[in-house]
Amino acid sequence: MNYNEFLDLSPEVKAALAAGKPVVALESTIISHGMPYPQNVETARNVERIIREEGATPATIAILGGRLKAGLTDEELEYLGKAGPKVTKASRRDLPVLVARGMDGATTVTTTMMIAHMAGISVFATGGIGGVHRGAETTMDISADLEELAQTPVMVICAGAKSILDLGLTLEYLETKGVPVLGYGTEELPAFYTRRSGFRVDYRVDTPEDLAAIFRAQRALGIKGGMLVTNPIPEEYSMDYETINRAIDEAVAEANQKGIHGKETTPFLLAKIKDLTGGDSLASNIQLVYNNARLAARTAARI
């Protein structure tokens, strides 16, 4: 653990870390900005339950009253779910302001990695990472998640990059930054709602033991940065590749027309895609998060 005067560990998380037991970090923007209430709170509780059933301790991360929290109470989960987008979507640049002003914030992949590392947590399960947005060659809209993966030693387990992004450029960026992109049981980069993308990962890995061994080797070699594990959505919940891409193209076109950009882009696109797919994308989103939580708990137990 890297001591930080603004960091609070829940009693459960503190005890697990002190005993050397596996702990899995979880983000909170998926609660506040990623899903509607009450599905967001139900999903958050189920994810924590799944991690406990797999023998690990969940540490949902957020900023509350200017305090960095690793491990939330049930009441705090409920608060974030009901407050929704009224809570600041907190990336790296927002942390000093929220802490200094005693404000609340829901953590993105970036800030969850940061706070997890402060707490001494090595494994983090999420839905999908941010990346290079379509049209970034002119907008320069590149998620801070990629920079954080390049510098913070946390394993991030996700269902790939969100398919609203430019997946090819996202992979190129990660390669430039030296971030290993591993495919769990696959050689193809999963694209969040679907198992397909047309792009290859760096290496295929088939067991939690192998994931843990690779992460331990990265740490032992003194290599800076994190590791990205892409875990495909289960086959039965995977959406049709053409259907989801049509919905994404329509949503991106509408976002461009309305001038939506920056941190508002992803919540808008996910909500629009949910409407265009009749809610199927939300059901898929929930299932892929559960799948990632299981793998994260099994891997954390072996690091």
Foldseek 3Di string as FASTA:
>chain_A
DADDPQEDEDPVLVVCVVVVFFEAEEFFLCQQQVDAPPVSLVLVVVLQVLLVVLPYGYFYWWAAQLGTYTRDDSVVSVVSNVCHPVAAADAPVCNVVCNVRRGIYTYALHVSLVSCVNSVHAEYEYAAHFAAAPPCVPVVAGDCNLVQQLAGAHEYEYQAHALLGDRVVRLVSNVVSVAAEEEAVDQAGGHRLAHHDPHGGPYYDHALLVVLVVSVVCVVVVRGGYYYYRYHQPPVLRDDPVQLVVQSVVQVVVCVVVVPDDPRNVSSSSVSSCVSVVNSSVVSSSRRSSVRSNSRSRNSRND
